[in-house]
Amino acid sequence: MSLNPKIAQFLEETRILPTLDRLSPQQAREMFDGFGQAAAKFVPEGVCISDRTIPVAINYKLPLRIYTPESQKKSLPILMFFHGGGWVLGILESFDRLCSFLAKEAECLVISVDYRRAPDFKFPTAAEDAYNATLWASQNGAELGSDPDRIAVAGDSAGGNLAAVVTLMARDRKIPKLSHQLLIYPVMNYGFDTPSYRKFSDGYGLTREEMKWCWSHYLSHSEEGQNAYASPLQAETLANLPPARVLISEYDVLRSEADAYCDRLEADGVKVMRQFCPGLIHGFLGNPNLWEISEVVLREIAVDLQKVLAEA
């Protein structure tokens, strides 16, 4: 279908902004993280937000932000959330609204992970931070009033990549047990020549050149792009992974690889709910200017998430 009118208007209004590939990481952070700070004020009531750190490396403690619904139900399931931003951008505040919404509407404890970003920290640092935070939640969730036997992972864009990678790591390392994966327009493969990359390479928000920029800062060398913990689509098998819900935007350079990942999951016997979003672009869920659209989709996600975690 055609672009959603609100999306088309947003794209026209933001066309004057410089693209990532024309900026240094620091310049990009100054611009995009500033938008994140502005988004933080749109947080729904009914959720308690707290911060803490956990040790994950020598002389380093990983920041977490925890969203607890004020309903205070006992033994809440846990949703680990990894934010997007091409592994280079993104701050916790940018996703306060999204995480608060899911905590409240899906009745779960959401733990948002402030993983170390590229290029300061190259692959696989972000992936290991995401995994270690999830492992910590499985071992310490009870003290937070949650159920460590019901843990799901979620993320958008590069965060969706990290969520998928965590499921692979958990399977390969045999701990922790995960109940569900929610992948929101995820980065699934190092490569730039799919049908959606060719069709939506420019003019629809995220561009092909911007994705090349993100990957160039995340990886130390291109060969790492063949590693399944960087490109989940490269995994030899996707068998024995938790059930997945994969959200795919119509006008997105990443559409083809997300579709391909769903095909692989299904072929390897993993239950998949493929949620296609007609008329929408990459990144719409985290954009405060598009909340009217986002809220409808998020509510669908929350209803399903509450159900699958209750049944886990």
C-alpha atoms as a PDB file:
ATOM      1  CA  MET A   1       0.000   0.000   0.000  1.00  0.00           C
ATOM      2  CA  SER A   2       0.995   3.666  -0.147  1.00  0.00           C
ATOM      3  CA  LEU A   3       2.966   5.325   2.614  1.00  0.00           C
ATOM      4  CA  ASN A   4       0.851   6.186   5.622  1.00  0.00           C
ATOM      5  CA  PRO A   5       0.035   9.932   5.237  1.00  0.00           C
ATOM      6  CA  LYS A   6       1.503  10.779   8.644  1.00  0.00           C
ATOM      7  CA  ILE A   7       4.664   8.898   7.725  1.00  0.00           C
ATOM      8  CA  ALA A   8       4.900  10.728   4.406  1.00  0.00           C
ATOM      9  CA  GLN A   9       4.504  14.058   6.186  1.00  0.00           C
ATOM     10  CA  PHE A  10       7.170  13.130   8.733  1.00  0.00           C
ATOM     11  CA  LEU A  11       9.615  12.139   5.994  1.00  0.00           C
ATOM     12  CA  GLU A  12       9.045  15.409   4.178  1.00  0.00           C
ATOM     13  CA  GLU A  13       9.570  17.461   7.353  1.00  0.00           C
ATOM     14  CA  THR A  14      12.816  15.667   8.245  1.00  0.00           C
ATOM     15  CA  ARG A  15      14.316  15.534   4.765  1.00  0.00           C
ATOM     16  CA  ILE A  16      16.584  18.485   5.595  1.00  0.00           C
ATOM     17  CA  LEU A  17      18.368  16.607   8.391  1.00  0.00           C
ATOM     18  CA  PRO A  18      21.812  15.186   7.593  1.00  0.00           C
ATOM     19  CA  THR A  19      22.033  11.428   7.147  1.00  0.00           C
ATOM     20  CA  LEU A  20      24.191   9.339   9.476  1.00  0.00           C
ATOM     21  CA  ASP A  21      26.778   8.557   6.831  1.00  0.00           C
ATOM     22  CA  ARG A  22      27.640  12.266   6.679  1.00  0.00           C
ATOM     23  CA  LEU A  23      28.269  12.510  10.405  1.00  0.00           C
ATOM     24  CA  SER A  24      30.846  11.243  12.851  1.00  0.00           C
ATOM     25  CA  PRO A  25      29.543   8.996  15.640  1.00  0.00           C
ATOM     26  CA  GLN A  26      29.860  11.896  18.095  1.00  0.00           C
ATOM     27  CA  GLN A  27      27.951  14.286  15.825  1.00  0.00           C
ATOM     28  CA  ALA A  28      25.265  11.675  15.253  1.00  0.00           C
ATOM     29  CA  ARG A  29      24.902  11.105  18.987  1.00  0.00           C
ATOM     30  CA  GLU A  30      24.598  14.813  19.701  1.00  0.00           C
ATOM     31  CA  MET A  31      21.723  15.049  17.244  1.00  0.00           C
ATOM     32  CA  PHE A  32      19.834  11.792  17.729  1.00  0.00           C
ATOM     33  CA  ASP A  33      20.381  11.347  21.456  1.00  0.00           C
ATOM     34  CA  GLY A  34      18.994  14.859  21.836  1.00  0.00           C
ATOM     35  CA  PHE A  35      15.782  13.628  20.259  1.00  0.00           C
ATOM     36  CA  GLY A  36      15.811  10.803  22.797  1.00  0.00           C
ATOM     37  CA  GLN A  37      15.986  13.199  25.708  1.00  0.00           C
ATOM     38  CA  ALA A  38      12.921  15.005  24.326  1.00  0.00           C
ATOM     39  CA  ALA A  39      11.034  11.715  24.036  1.00  0.00           C
ATOM     40  CA  ALA A  40      11.590  10.884  27.711  1.00  0.00           C
ATOM     41  CA  LYS A  41       8.846  13.252  28.878  1.00  0.00           C
ATOM     42  CA  PHE A  42       6.151  11.154  27.194  1.00  0.00           C
ATOM     43  CA  VAL A  43       6.025   8.408  29.812  1.00  0.00           C
ATOM     44  CA  PRO A  44       2.661   6.874  30.790  1.00  0.00           C
ATOM     45  CA  GLU A  45       1.535   6.735  34.403  1.00  0.00           C
ATOM     46  CA  GLY A  46       1.274   3.492  36.317  1.00  0.00           C
ATOM     47  CA  VAL A  47       4.887   2.370  35.971  1.00  0.00           C
ATOM     48  CA  CYS A  48       7.760   2.682  38.445  1.00  0.00           C
ATOM     49  CA  ILE A  49      11.148   3.336  36.816  1.00  0.00           C
ATOM     50  CA  SER A  50      14.402   2.596  38.607  1.00  0.00           C
ATOM     51  CA  ASP A  51      18.072   2.362  37.622  1.00  0.00           C
ATOM     52  CA  ARG A  52      20.819   0.018  38.743  1.00  0.00           C
ATOM     53  CA  THR A  53      24.124  -1.406  37.548  1.00  0.00           C
ATOM     54  CA  ILE A  54      25.426  -4.957  37.372  1.00  0.00           C
ATOM     55  CA  PRO A  55      29.031  -6.188  36.987  1.00  0.00           C
ATOM     56  CA  VAL A  56      29.702  -7.739  33.575  1.00  0.00           C
ATOM     57  CA  ALA A  57      33.436  -7.187  33.105  1.00  0.00           C
ATOM     58  CA  ILE A  58      36.521  -6.268  35.082  1.00  0.00           C
ATOM     59  CA  ASN A  59      36.095  -2.719  36.360  1.00  0.00           C
ATOM     60  CA  TYR A  60      32.846  -2.225  34.449  1.00  0.00           C
ATOM     61  CA  LYS A  61      29.233  -2.187  35.620  1.00  0.00           C
ATOM     62  CA  LEU A  62      26.456  -2.289  33.043  1.00  0.00           C
ATOM     63  CA  PRO A  63      23.584   0.192  33.541  1.00  0.00           C
ATOM     64  CA  LEU A  64      20.033  -1.166  33.489  1.00  0.00           C
ATOM     65  CA  ARG A  65      16.687   0.599  33.665  1.00  0.00           C
ATOM     66  CA  ILE A  66      13.839  -1.369  35.223  1.00  0.00           C
ATOM     67  CA  TYR A  67      10.161  -0.695  34.526  1.00  0.00           C
ATOM     68  CA  THR A  68       7.732  -2.209  37.021  1.00  0.00           C
ATOM     69  CA  PRO A  69       3.953  -1.902  36.615  1.00  0.00           C
ATOM     70  CA  GLU A  70       2.411  -0.408  39.725  1.00  0.00           C
ATOM     71  CA  SER A  71      -0.199  -3.159  39.764  1.00  0.00           C
ATOM     72  CA  GLN A  72       2.540  -5.058  41.642  1.00  0.00           C
ATOM     73  CA  LYS A  73       1.387  -8.494  40.621  1.00  0.00           C
ATOM     74  CA  LYS A  74       3.611 -11.187  42.076  1.00  0.00           C
ATOM     75  CA  SER A  75       6.111 -13.132  40.008  1.00  0.00           C
ATOM     76  CA  LEU A  76       5.964 -10.921  36.947  1.00  0.00           C
ATOM     77  CA  PRO A  77       7.510 -12.318  33.782  1.00  0.00           C
ATOM     78  CA  ILE A  78      10.630 -10.504  32.570  1.00  0.00           C
ATOM     79  CA  LEU A  79      11.118  -8.766  29.247  1.00  0.00           C
ATOM     80  CA  MET A  80      14.724  -7.881  28.412  1.00  0.00           C
ATOM     81  CA  PHE A  81      14.787  -4.914  26.029  1.00  0.00           C
ATOM     82  CA  PHE A  82      17.692  -3.832  23.816  1.00  0.00           C
ATOM     83  CA  HIS A  83      17.329  -0.445  22.154  1.00  0.00           C
ATOM     84  CA  GLY A  84      18.029   0.376  18.529  1.00  0.00           C
ATOM     85  CA  GLY A  85      20.417   2.913  17.067  1.00  0.00           C
ATOM     86  CA  GLY A  86      22.693   0.931  14.787  1.00  0.00           C
ATOM     87  CA  TRP A  87      24.826  -0.185  17.763  1.00  0.00           C
ATOM     88  CA  VAL A  88      26.215   3.387  17.757  1.00  0.00           C
ATOM     89  CA  LEU A  89      23.291   5.564  18.850  1.00  0.00           C
ATOM     90  CA  GLY A  90      20.431   5.260  21.306  1.00  0.00           C
ATOM     91  CA  ILE A  91      20.002   6.012  24.982  1.00  0.00           C
ATOM     92  CA  LEU A  92      17.679   4.508  27.560  1.00  0.00           C
ATOM     93  CA  GLU A  93      15.581   7.680  27.751  1.00  0.00           C
ATOM     94  CA  SER A  94      14.648   7.326  24.073  1.00  0.00           C
ATOM     95  CA  PHE A  95      12.708   4.189  24.917  1.00  0.00           C
ATOM     96  CA  ASP A  96      11.158   5.108  28.271  1.00  0.00           C
ATOM     97  CA  ARG A  97       7.742   5.457  26.698  1.00  0.00           C
ATOM     98  CA  LEU A  98       7.892   2.203  24.756  1.00  0.00           C
ATOM     99  CA  CYS A  99       9.253   0.187  27.694  1.00  0.00           C
ATOM    100  CA  SER A 100       6.798   1.724  30.149  1.00  0.00           C
ATOM    101  CA  PHE A 101       3.917   0.953  27.813  1.00  0.00           C
ATOM    102  CA  LEU A 102       4.923  -2.696  27.460  1.00  0.00           C
ATOM    103  CA  ALA A 103       5.487  -3.073  31.207  1.00  0.00           C
ATOM    104  CA  LYS A 104       2.039  -1.732  31.976  1.00  0.00           C
ATOM    105  CA  GLU A 105      -0.002  -3.261  29.166  1.00  0.00           C
ATOM    106  CA  ALA A 106       1.741  -6.644  29.001  1.00  0.00           C
ATOM    107  CA  GLU A 107       2.027  -6.843  32.807  1.00  0.00           C
ATOM    108  CA  CYS A 108       5.703  -7.689  32.875  1.00  0.00           C
ATOM    109  CA  LEU A 109       8.924  -6.392  34.362  1.00  0.00           C
ATOM    110  CA  VAL A 110      10.886  -4.707  31.575  1.00  0.00           C
ATOM    111  CA  ILE A 111      14.661  -4.442  31.909  1.00  0.00           C
ATOM    112  CA  SER A 112      16.227  -2.078  29.378  1.00  0.00           C
ATOM    113  CA  VAL A 113      19.955  -2.621  28.845  1.00  0.00           C
ATOM    114  CA  ASP A 114      22.399   0.241  28.272  1.00  0.00           C
ATOM    115  CA  TYR A 115      24.886  -1.913  26.381  1.00  0.00           C
ATOM    116  CA  ARG A 116      28.233  -0.452  25.368  1.00  0.00           C
ATOM    117  CA  ARG A 117      28.082   1.219  21.980  1.00  0.00           C
ATOM    118  CA  ALA A 118      30.286   1.180  18.903  1.00  0.00           C
ATOM    119  CA  PRO A 119      32.721   2.360  17.718  1.00  0.00           C
ATOM    120  CA  ASP A 120      34.090   2.790  21.255  1.00  0.00           C
ATOM    121  CA  PHE A 121      33.306  -0.885  21.819  1.00  0.00           C
ATOM    122  CA  LYS A 122      33.293  -3.130  18.772  1.00  0.00           C
ATOM    123  CA  PHE A 123      31.538  -6.446  18.144  1.00  0.00           C
ATOM    124  CA  PRO A 124      30.916  -8.590  20.129  1.00  0.00           C
ATOM    125  CA  THR A 125      30.788  -6.245  23.177  1.00  0.00           C
ATOM    126  CA  ALA A 126      27.159  -5.175  22.734  1.00  0.00           C
ATOM    127  CA  ALA A 127      26.050  -8.773  22.163  1.00  0.00           C
ATOM    128  CA  GLU A 128      27.917 -10.022  25.236  1.00  0.00           C
ATOM    129  CA  ASP A 129      26.490  -7.178  27.345  1.00  0.00           C
ATOM    130  CA  ALA A 130      22.990  -8.128  26.193  1.00  0.00           C
ATOM    131  CA  TYR A 131      23.587 -11.790  26.978  1.00  0.00           C
ATOM    132  CA  ASN A 132      25.166 -11.119  30.372  1.00  0.00           C
ATOM    133  CA  ALA A 133      22.289  -8.850  31.386  1.00  0.00           C
ATOM    134  CA  THR A 134      19.821 -11.564  30.426  1.00  0.00           C
ATOM    135  CA  LEU A 135      21.804 -14.167  32.351  1.00  0.00           C
ATOM    136  CA  TRP A 136      21.861 -11.850  35.377  1.00  0.00           C
ATOM    137  CA  ALA A 137      18.074 -11.426  35.185  1.00  0.00           C
ATOM    138  CA  SER A 138      17.597 -15.185  35.123  1.00  0.00           C
ATOM    139  CA  GLN A 139      19.772 -15.577  38.217  1.00  0.00           C
ATOM    140  CA  ASN A 140      18.546 -12.538  40.168  1.00  0.00           C
ATOM    141  CA  GLY A 141      15.028 -11.944  38.926  1.00  0.00           C
ATOM    142  CA  ALA A 142      13.395 -13.286  42.067  1.00  0.00           C
ATOM    143  CA  GLU A 143      14.801 -10.420  44.138  1.00  0.00           C
ATOM    144  CA  LEU A 144      12.999  -8.038  41.782  1.00  0.00           C
ATOM    145  CA  GLY A 145       9.681  -9.765  42.414  1.00  0.00           C
ATOM    146  CA  SER A 146       9.705 -11.449  39.021  1.00  0.00           C
ATOM    147  CA  ASP A 147       9.632 -14.978  37.664  1.00  0.00           C
ATOM    148  CA  PRO A 148      13.094 -15.894  36.300  1.00  0.00           C
ATOM    149  CA  ASP A 149      11.589 -18.930  34.576  1.00  0.00           C
ATOM    150  CA  ARG A 150       9.604 -16.670  32.245  1.00  0.00           C
ATOM    151  CA  ILE A 151      12.041 -14.457  30.373  1.00  0.00           C
ATOM    152  CA  ALA A 152      11.536 -12.965  26.929  1.00  0.00           C
ATOM    153  CA  VAL A 153      13.932 -10.841  24.897  1.00  0.00           C
ATOM    154  CA  ALA A 154      12.984  -7.919  22.699  1.00  0.00           C
ATOM    155  CA  GLY A 155      14.588  -5.141  20.723  1.00  0.00           C
ATOM    156  CA  ASP A 156      14.172  -2.841  17.767  1.00  0.00           C
ATOM    157  CA  SER A 157      16.507  -2.566  14.771  1.00  0.00           C
ATOM    158  CA  ALA A 158      20.064  -3.191  16.065  1.00  0.00           C
ATOM    159  CA  GLY A 159      18.405  -4.052  19.376  1.00  0.00           C
ATOM    160  CA  GLY A 160      16.346  -6.657  17.524  1.00  0.00           C
ATOM    161  CA  ASN A 161      19.620  -8.036  16.251  1.00  0.00           C
ATOM    162  CA  LEU A 162      20.915  -8.263  19.822  1.00  0.00           C
ATOM    163  CA  ALA A 163      17.710  -9.954  20.999  1.00  0.00           C
ATOM    164  CA  ALA A 164      18.033 -12.598  18.283  1.00  0.00           C
ATOM    165  CA  VAL A 165      21.720 -13.055  19.081  1.00  0.00           C
ATOM    166  CA  VAL A 166      20.925 -13.553  22.773  1.00  0.00           C
ATOM    167  CA  THR A 167      18.580 -16.414  21.860  1.00  0.00           C
ATOM    168  CA  LEU A 168      21.402 -18.039  19.880  1.00  0.00           C
ATOM    169  CA  MET A 169      23.886 -17.546  22.713  1.00  0.00           C
ATOM    170  CA  ALA A 170      21.441 -18.902  25.290  1.00  0.00           C
ATOM    171  CA  ARG A 171      20.798 -21.975  23.149  1.00  0.00           C
ATOM    172  CA  ASP A 172      24.473 -22.579  22.426  1.00  0.00           C
ATOM    173  CA  ARG A 173      25.590 -21.972  26.025  1.00  0.00           C
ATOM    174  CA  LYS A 174      22.563 -23.848  27.412  1.00  0.00           C
ATOM    175  CA  ILE A 175      21.609 -21.025  29.783  1.00  0.00           C
ATOM    176  CA  PRO A 176      19.328 -19.194  30.417  1.00  0.00           C
ATOM    177  CA  LYS A 177      16.035 -20.665  29.243  1.00  0.00           C
ATOM    178  CA  LEU A 178      14.088 -18.114  27.198  1.00  0.00           C
ATOM    179  CA  SER A 179      10.345 -18.146  26.557  1.00  0.00           C
ATOM    180  CA  HIS A 180       9.888 -15.741  23.663  1.00  0.00           C
ATOM    181  CA  GLN A 181      11.633 -13.326  21.306  1.00  0.00           C
ATOM    182  CA  LEU A 182      10.114 -10.091  20.034  1.00  0.00           C
ATOM    183  CA  LEU A 183      12.079  -8.739  17.073  1.00  0.00           C
ATOM    184  CA  ILE A 184      11.045  -5.282  15.866  1.00  0.00           C
ATOM    185  CA  TYR A 185      12.242  -4.515  12.297  1.00  0.00           C
ATOM    186  CA  PRO A 186      15.522  -6.254  13.216  1.00  0.00           C
ATOM    187  CA  VAL A 187      18.959  -6.194  11.568  1.00  0.00           C
ATOM    188  CA  MET A 188      19.517  -9.823  10.628  1.00  0.00           C
ATOM    189  CA  ASN A 189      22.404  -9.901   8.181  1.00  0.00           C
ATOM    190  CA  TYR A 190      25.536  -8.098   7.047  1.00  0.00           C
ATOM    191  CA  GLY A 191      24.740  -7.402   3.403  1.00  0.00           C
ATOM    192  CA  PHE A 192      23.221  -4.624   1.337  1.00  0.00           C
ATOM    193  CA  ASP A 193      21.855  -6.151  -1.866  1.00  0.00           C
ATOM    194  CA  THR A 194      18.483  -7.627  -0.950  1.00  0.00           C
ATOM    195  CA  PRO A 195      15.275  -6.653  -2.792  1.00  0.00           C
ATOM    196  CA  SER A 196      14.306  -4.232  -0.002  1.00  0.00           C
ATOM    197  CA  TYR A 197      17.778  -2.656   0.060  1.00  0.00           C
ATOM    198  CA  ARG A 198      17.437  -2.001  -3.666  1.00  0.00           C
ATOM    199  CA  LYS A 199      13.836  -0.781  -3.499  1.00  0.00           C
ATOM    200  CA  PHE A 200      14.018   1.404  -0.374  1.00  0.00           C
ATOM    201  CA  SER A 201      17.674   2.437  -0.444  1.00  0.00           C
ATOM    202  CA  ASP A 202      16.875   6.130  -0.037  1.00  0.00           C
ATOM    203  CA  GLY A 203      13.941   8.361   0.829  1.00  0.00           C
ATOM    204  CA  TYR A 204      12.219   6.217   3.458  1.00  0.00           C
ATOM    205  CA  GLY A 205      14.078   7.122   6.636  1.00  0.00           C
ATOM    206  CA  LEU A 206      16.818   4.545   7.164  1.00  0.00           C
ATOM    207  CA  THR A 207      19.000   4.351   4.034  1.00  0.00           C
ATOM    208  CA  ARG A 208      21.386   1.767   2.658  1.00  0.00           C
ATOM    209  CA  GLU A 209      24.351   4.100   3.191  1.00  0.00           C
ATOM    210  CA  GLU A 210      23.332   4.640   6.821  1.00  0.00           C
ATOM    211  CA  MET A 211      23.264   0.889   7.409  1.00  0.00           C
ATOM    212  CA  LYS A 212      26.723   0.593   5.869  1.00  0.00           C
ATOM    213  CA  TRP A 213      27.833   3.345   8.277  1.00  0.00           C
ATOM    214  CA  CYS A 214      26.370   1.453  11.258  1.00  0.00           C
ATOM    215  CA  TRP A 215      27.986  -1.841  10.320  1.00  0.00           C
ATOM    216  CA  SER A 216      31.341  -0.144   9.645  1.00  0.00           C
ATOM    217  CA  HIS A 217      31.426   1.178  13.194  1.00  0.00           C
ATOM    218  CA  TYR A 218      30.176  -2.057  14.789  1.00  0.00           C
ATOM    219  CA  LEU A 219      32.529  -4.519  13.126  1.00  0.00           C
ATOM    220  CA  SER A 220      36.316  -4.458  13.315  1.00  0.00           C
ATOM    221  CA  HIS A 221      36.493  -6.019   9.843  1.00  0.00           C
ATOM    222  CA  SER A 222      33.937  -7.177   7.304  1.00  0.00           C
ATOM    223  CA  GLU A 223      34.652 -10.888   7.875  1.00  0.00           C
ATOM    224  CA  GLU A 224      32.959 -10.597  11.270  1.00  0.00           C
ATOM    225  CA  GLY A 225      29.716 -10.051   9.381  1.00  0.00           C
ATOM    226  CA  GLN A 226      29.658 -13.787   8.679  1.00  0.00           C
ATOM    227  CA  ASN A 227      29.590 -14.575  12.407  1.00  0.00           C
ATOM    228  CA  ALA A 228      26.122 -15.691  13.501  1.00  0.00           C
ATOM    229  CA  TYR A 229      26.427 -13.555  16.643  1.00  0.00           C
ATOM    230  CA  ALA A 230      26.672 -10.524  14.340  1.00  0.00           C
ATOM    231  CA  SER A 231      24.388 -11.793  11.563  1.00  0.00           C
ATOM    232  CA  PRO A 232      21.819 -14.265  12.961  1.00  0.00           C
ATOM    233  CA  LEU A 233      20.745 -15.153   9.427  1.00  0.00           C
ATOM    234  CA  GLN A 234      24.189 -16.767   9.028  1.00  0.00           C
ATOM    235  CA  ALA A 235      23.535 -19.296  11.802  1.00  0.00           C
ATOM    236  CA  GLU A 236      23.912 -22.899  10.664  1.00  0.00           C
ATOM    237  CA  THR A 237      20.573 -23.737  12.249  1.00  0.00           C
ATOM    238  CA  LEU A 238      17.850 -21.807  14.061  1.00  0.00           C
ATOM    239  CA  ALA A 239      16.344 -24.920  15.617  1.00  0.00           C
ATOM    240  CA  ASN A 240      15.532 -24.975  19.328  1.00  0.00           C
ATOM    241  CA  LEU A 241      15.046 -21.218  19.632  1.00  0.00           C
ATOM    242  CA  PRO A 242      12.094 -19.698  21.508  1.00  0.00           C
ATOM    243  CA  PRO A 243       8.906 -18.761  19.636  1.00  0.00           C
ATOM    244  CA  ALA A 244       9.169 -15.425  17.843  1.00  0.00           C
ATOM    245  CA  ARG A 245       7.075 -12.434  16.908  1.00  0.00           C
ATOM    246  CA  VAL A 246       8.759 -10.441  14.149  1.00  0.00           C
ATOM    247  CA  LEU A 247       7.506  -6.992  13.209  1.00  0.00           C
ATOM    248  CA  ILE A 248       8.309  -5.969   9.623  1.00  0.00           C
ATOM    249  CA  SER A 249       7.732  -2.499   8.159  1.00  0.00           C
ATOM    250  CA  GLU A 250       6.746  -2.320   4.490  1.00  0.00           C
ATOM    251  CA  TYR A 251       9.050   0.575   3.542  1.00  0.00           C
ATOM    252  CA  ASP A 252      12.247  -0.629   5.201  1.00  0.00           C
ATOM    253  CA  VAL A 253      15.643  -1.580   3.787  1.00  0.00           C
ATOM    254  CA  LEU A 254      15.697  -4.402   6.378  1.00  0.00           C
ATOM    255  CA  ARG A 255      12.385  -5.903   5.280  1.00  0.00           C
ATOM    256  CA  SER A 256      13.873  -8.695   3.131  1.00  0.00           C
ATOM    257  CA  GLU A 257      16.288  -9.975   5.776  1.00  0.00           C
ATOM    258  CA  ALA A 258      13.567  -9.967   8.451  1.00  0.00           C
ATOM    259  CA  ASP A 259      11.350 -11.967   6.096  1.00  0.00           C
ATOM    260  CA  ALA A 260      14.206 -14.351   5.356  1.00  0.00           C
ATOM    261  CA  TYR A 261      14.802 -14.864   9.071  1.00  0.00           C
ATOM    262  CA  CYS A 262      11.141 -15.731   9.593  1.00  0.00           C
ATOM    263  CA  ASP A 263      11.389 -18.240   6.743  1.00  0.00           C
ATOM    264  CA  ARG A 264      14.468 -19.800   8.348  1.00  0.00           C
ATOM    265  CA  LEU A 265      12.812 -19.998  11.757  1.00  0.00           C
ATOM    266  CA  GLU A 266       9.757 -21.703  10.294  1.00  0.00           C
ATOM    267  CA  ALA A 267      11.900 -24.123   8.274  1.00  0.00           C
ATOM    268  CA  ASP A 268      13.793 -25.056  11.444  1.00  0.00           C
ATOM    269  CA  GLY A 269      10.623 -25.737  13.400  1.00  0.00           C
ATOM    270  CA  VAL A 270      10.336 -22.525  15.430  1.00  0.00           C
ATOM    271  CA  LYS A 271       6.874 -21.018  15.876  1.00  0.00           C
ATOM    272  CA  VAL A 272       6.765 -17.567  14.263  1.00  0.00           C
ATOM    273  CA  MET A 273       4.207 -14.761  14.239  1.00  0.00           C
ATOM    274  CA  ARG A 274       5.109 -12.482  11.314  1.00  0.00           C
ATOM    275  CA  GLN A 275       3.543  -9.038  11.818  1.00  0.00           C
ATOM    276  CA  PHE A 276       3.622  -7.015   8.605  1.00  0.00           C
ATOM    277  CA  CYS A 277       3.099  -3.258   8.980  1.00  0.00           C
ATOM    278  CA  PRO A 278       1.783  -1.837   5.691  1.00  0.00           C
ATOM    279  CA  GLY A 279       2.582   1.762   4.852  1.00  0.00           C
ATOM    280  CA  LEU A 280       5.115   2.138   7.668  1.00  0.00           C
ATOM    281  CA  ILE A 281       8.869   2.744   7.832  1.00  0.00           C
ATOM    282  CA  HIS A 282      11.805   1.599   9.905  1.00  0.00           C
ATOM    283  CA  GLY A 283      11.930   3.078  13.401  1.00  0.00           C
ATOM    284  CA  PHE A 284       8.336   4.268  13.662  1.00  0.00           C
ATOM    285  CA  LEU A 285       7.692   2.667  17.075  1.00  0.00           C
ATOM    286  CA  GLY A 286      10.376   4.692  18.834  1.00  0.00           C
ATOM    287  CA  ASN A 287       9.475   8.017  17.221  1.00  0.00           C
ATOM    288  CA  PRO A 288       7.501  10.331  19.555  1.00  0.00           C
ATOM    289  CA  ASN A 289       6.157  12.213  16.529  1.00  0.00           C
ATOM    290  CA  LEU A 290       4.468   9.028  15.320  1.00  0.00           C
ATOM    291  CA  TRP A 291       2.993   7.877  18.622  1.00  0.00           C
ATOM    292  CA  GLU A 292      -0.567   7.841  17.282  1.00  0.00           C
ATOM    293  CA  ILE A 293       0.494   5.097  14.885  1.00  0.00           C
ATOM    294  CA  SER A 294       2.888   3.408  17.286  1.00  0.00           C
ATOM    295  CA  GLU A 295       0.375   3.033  20.099  1.00  0.00           C
ATOM    296  CA  VAL A 296      -1.972   0.931  17.966  1.00  0.00           C
ATOM    297  CA  VAL A 297       0.800  -1.475  16.998  1.00  0.00           C
ATOM    298  CA  LEU A 298       2.288  -1.558  20.497  1.00  0.00           C
ATOM    299  CA  ARG A 299      -1.083  -2.470  21.955  1.00  0.00           C
ATOM    300  CA  GLU A 300      -1.280  -5.469  19.614  1.00  0.00           C
ATOM    301  CA  ILE A 301       2.234  -6.482  20.656  1.00  0.00           C
ATOM    302  CA  ALA A 302       1.427  -6.078  24.358  1.00  0.00           C
ATOM    303  CA  VAL A 303      -1.723  -8.197  24.169  1.00  0.00           C
ATOM    304  CA  ASP A 304       0.170 -11.019  22.474  1.00  0.00           C
ATOM    305  CA  LEU A 305       3.159 -10.672  24.815  1.00  0.00           C
ATOM    306  CA  GLN A 306       0.978 -10.906  27.902  1.00  0.00           C
ATOM    307  CA  LYS A 307      -0.634 -14.050  26.516  1.00  0.00           C
ATOM    308  CA  VAL A 308       2.552 -15.870  25.518  1.00  0.00           C
ATOM    309  CA  LEU A 309       4.303 -15.061  28.790  1.00  0.00           C
ATOM    310  CA  ALA A 310       1.294 -16.170  30.825  1.00  0.00           C
ATOM    311  CA  GLU A 311       1.391 -19.501  28.997  1.00  0.00           C
ATOM    312  CA  ALA A 312       5.172 -19.947  29.255  1.00  0.00           C
END
